[in-house]
Amino acid sequence: MEAVLFVGIQGSGKSSFFKERFYATHVRINRDMLKTVGRERAFIEACLRTQQPFVIDNTNPRREQRAPYVAQAKAAGFRVIGYYFKCSTREAIGRNQQRAGKAKIPVPAILAAYKQLEVPALEEGFDELYCVALSAENRFTVEPANETNMAK
């Protein structure tokens, strides 16, 4: 089974990537939708118990925030795949301006997430790690992580 962990600031394309790549095969777990850590935990536990592939679609900017997800999934026998969404604050803020209503994130929140962002590494326990970029034409490119593409 597979646990997927997204890492990236708001507006970097994480939710759109989920819809394009994982919608038909994985449960989406997103704290913005679930509202509480307790609900998120319950969904993760249900996926682990039932061997259901899932995606953690949160910003997950710091290693210490990612570590419990990785450890829990590994303990349940899941492969853990990381996707780092490489995105500048300028790009993220530009995409955010196209959002409406509650979907629009305050710019200071985007800047704060970027400031906290620690680029993920295989050493965190990922079985596979990829770098995702979103072009101006809204096309995703996905490459295996390497020294060049994993720079902040």
Protein backbone atom coordinates (compact mmCIF):
# COMPACT_ATOMS: atom_id res chain seq x y z
CA MET A 1 0.00 0.00 0.00
CA GLU A 2 1.02 3.58 -0.56
CA ALA A 3 0.97 6.73 1.57
CA VAL A 4 1.70 9.92 -0.34
CA LEU A 5 2.87 13.06 1.43
CA PHE A 6 2.72 16.44 -0.29
CA VAL A 7 5.16 19.19 0.74
CA GLY A 8 4.67 22.72 -0.54
CA ILE A 9 3.31 26.14 0.20
CA GLN A 10 -0.25 27.20 -0.48
CA GLY A 11 -0.80 27.91 -4.17
CA SER A 12 1.94 25.54 -5.32
CA GLY A 13 -0.52 23.17 -7.03
CA LYS A 14 -0.89 20.38 -4.48
CA SER A 15 -4.67 20.00 -4.62
CA SER A 16 -4.79 20.31 -8.41
CA PHE A 17 -2.07 17.67 -8.66
CA PHE A 18 -4.10 15.38 -6.40
CA LYS A 19 -7.13 15.76 -8.66
CA GLU A 20 -5.05 15.04 -11.76
CA ARG A 21 -2.96 12.12 -10.45
CA PHE A 22 -4.57 10.49 -7.42
CA TYR A 23 -8.31 11.26 -7.36
CA ALA A 24 -9.36 7.83 -8.67
CA THR A 25 -6.99 5.77 -6.52
CA HIS A 26 -6.23 7.49 -3.18
CA VAL A 27 -8.21 9.03 -0.34
CA ARG A 28 -7.39 12.74 0.09
CA ILE A 29 -6.68 13.78 3.66
CA ASN A 30 -6.58 17.54 4.06
CA ARG A 31 -6.76 19.38 7.37
CA ASP A 32 -8.44 22.39 5.72
CA MET A 33 -11.41 20.14 4.91
CA LEU A 34 -11.36 18.03 8.08
CA LYS A 35 -10.85 21.05 10.40
CA THR A 36 -9.20 19.20 13.32
CA VAL A 37 -6.14 17.10 14.01
CA GLY A 38 -8.42 14.48 15.60
CA ARG A 39 -10.45 14.05 12.44
CA GLU A 40 -7.30 13.90 10.34
CA ARG A 41 -5.88 11.23 12.64
CA ALA A 42 -9.10 9.19 12.40
CA PHE A 43 -8.99 9.25 8.59
CA ILE A 44 -5.34 8.23 8.52
CA GLU A 45 -5.95 5.39 10.98
CA ALA A 46 -8.89 4.16 8.90
CA CYS A 47 -6.74 4.14 5.75
CA LEU A 48 -3.93 2.30 7.52
CA ARG A 49 -6.30 -0.24 9.05
CA THR A 50 -8.08 -0.95 5.75
CA GLN A 51 -4.91 -0.78 3.59
CA GLN A 52 -6.37 2.12 1.61
CA PRO A 53 -3.88 4.29 -0.33
CA PHE A 54 -4.04 7.92 0.77
CA VAL A 55 -2.55 11.36 0.19
CA ILE A 56 -1.76 13.87 2.93
CA ASP A 57 -2.56 17.13 1.13
CA ASN A 58 -1.26 19.72 3.61
CA THR A 59 1.67 22.14 3.39
CA ASN A 60 3.86 19.94 5.68
CA PRO A 61 6.66 22.53 5.62
CA ARG A 62 8.91 21.17 8.39
CA ARG A 63 10.59 17.80 8.85
CA GLU A 64 9.17 17.50 12.35
CA GLN A 65 5.64 17.85 10.94
CA ARG A 66 6.25 15.18 8.30
CA ALA A 67 7.95 12.66 10.60
CA PRO A 68 4.79 11.33 12.34
CA TYR A 69 3.06 10.68 9.01
CA VAL A 70 6.09 8.82 7.67
CA ALA A 71 6.58 6.79 10.85
CA GLN A 72 2.92 5.81 11.14
CA ALA A 73 2.67 4.74 7.49
CA LYS A 74 5.94 2.78 7.65
CA ALA A 75 4.82 1.01 10.84
CA ALA A 76 1.69 -0.13 8.99
CA GLY A 77 3.74 -1.51 6.09
CA PHE A 78 2.98 1.29 3.64
CA ARG A 79 5.44 2.63 1.11
CA VAL A 80 5.84 6.38 1.63
CA ILE A 81 6.14 8.58 -1.46
CA GLY A 82 6.95 12.28 -1.12
CA TYR A 83 6.15 15.02 -3.60
CA TYR A 84 7.86 18.38 -3.13
CA PHE A 85 6.06 21.21 -4.91
CA LYS A 86 8.76 23.64 -5.93
CA CYS A 87 7.23 27.09 -6.19
CA SER A 88 8.31 30.67 -5.58
CA THR A 89 6.23 32.94 -3.36
CA ARG A 90 5.56 35.13 -6.40
CA GLU A 91 4.04 32.18 -8.31
CA ALA A 92 2.01 31.03 -5.30
CA ILE A 93 0.65 34.50 -4.58
CA GLY A 94 -0.26 34.92 -8.27
CA ARG A 95 -2.22 31.64 -8.27
CA ASN A 96 -3.82 32.55 -4.96
CA GLN A 97 -5.12 35.81 -6.46
CA GLN A 98 -7.17 33.69 -8.88
CA ARG A 99 -8.98 31.99 -6.00
CA ALA A 100 -12.27 33.23 -4.59
CA GLY A 101 -13.95 33.22 -1.20
CA LYS A 102 -12.58 30.96 1.53
CA ALA A 103 -10.20 29.33 -0.93
CA LYS A 104 -8.15 32.53 -1.01
CA ILE A 105 -5.28 32.39 1.49
CA PRO A 106 -3.99 35.54 3.23
CA VAL A 107 -0.64 36.49 1.67
CA PRO A 108 1.11 36.57 5.09
CA ALA A 109 0.18 32.89 5.55
CA ILE A 110 1.83 31.98 2.24
CA LEU A 111 4.96 33.92 3.18
CA ALA A 112 5.06 32.30 6.63
CA ALA A 113 4.77 28.81 5.13
CA TYR A 114 7.62 29.57 2.71
CA LYS A 115 9.79 30.84 5.55
CA GLN A 116 9.22 27.57 7.47
CA LEU A 117 9.69 25.34 4.42
CA GLU A 118 12.38 22.69 4.76
CA VAL A 119 12.96 20.85 1.50
CA PRO A 120 12.27 17.13 2.05
CA ALA A 121 14.98 14.48 1.72
CA LEU A 122 14.97 10.71 1.25
CA GLU A 123 16.67 10.41 4.65
CA GLU A 124 13.36 11.34 6.28
CA GLY A 125 12.14 7.84 5.45
CA PHE A 126 10.60 8.32 2.02
CA ASP A 127 10.77 5.29 -0.26
CA GLU A 128 10.58 7.62 -3.24
CA LEU A 129 10.79 11.40 -3.51
CA TYR A 130 9.81 13.60 -6.44
CA CYS A 131 9.97 17.27 -7.34
CA VAL A 132 6.83 18.74 -8.93
CA ALA A 133 6.68 22.02 -10.81
CA LEU A 134 3.66 23.71 -12.37
CA SER A 135 4.24 25.61 -15.62
CA ALA A 136 2.57 28.85 -16.66
CA GLU A 137 0.38 26.66 -18.90
CA ASN A 138 -0.79 24.74 -15.80
CA ARG A 139 1.08 21.57 -16.74
CA PHE A 140 2.83 19.54 -14.09
CA THR A 141 6.33 18.20 -14.52
CA VAL A 142 7.43 15.46 -12.14
CA GLU A 143 11.05 14.43 -11.74
CA PRO A 144 12.82 12.15 -9.29
CA ALA A 145 14.44 14.22 -6.54
CA ASN A 146 18.03 15.26 -7.15
CA GLU A 147 20.42 17.95 -5.89
CA THR A 148 19.44 20.40 -8.61
CA ASN A 149 15.64 20.30 -8.47
CA MET A 150 15.32 20.04 -4.68
CA ALA A 151 16.74 23.47 -3.90
CA LYS A 152 14.32 25.88 -2.27
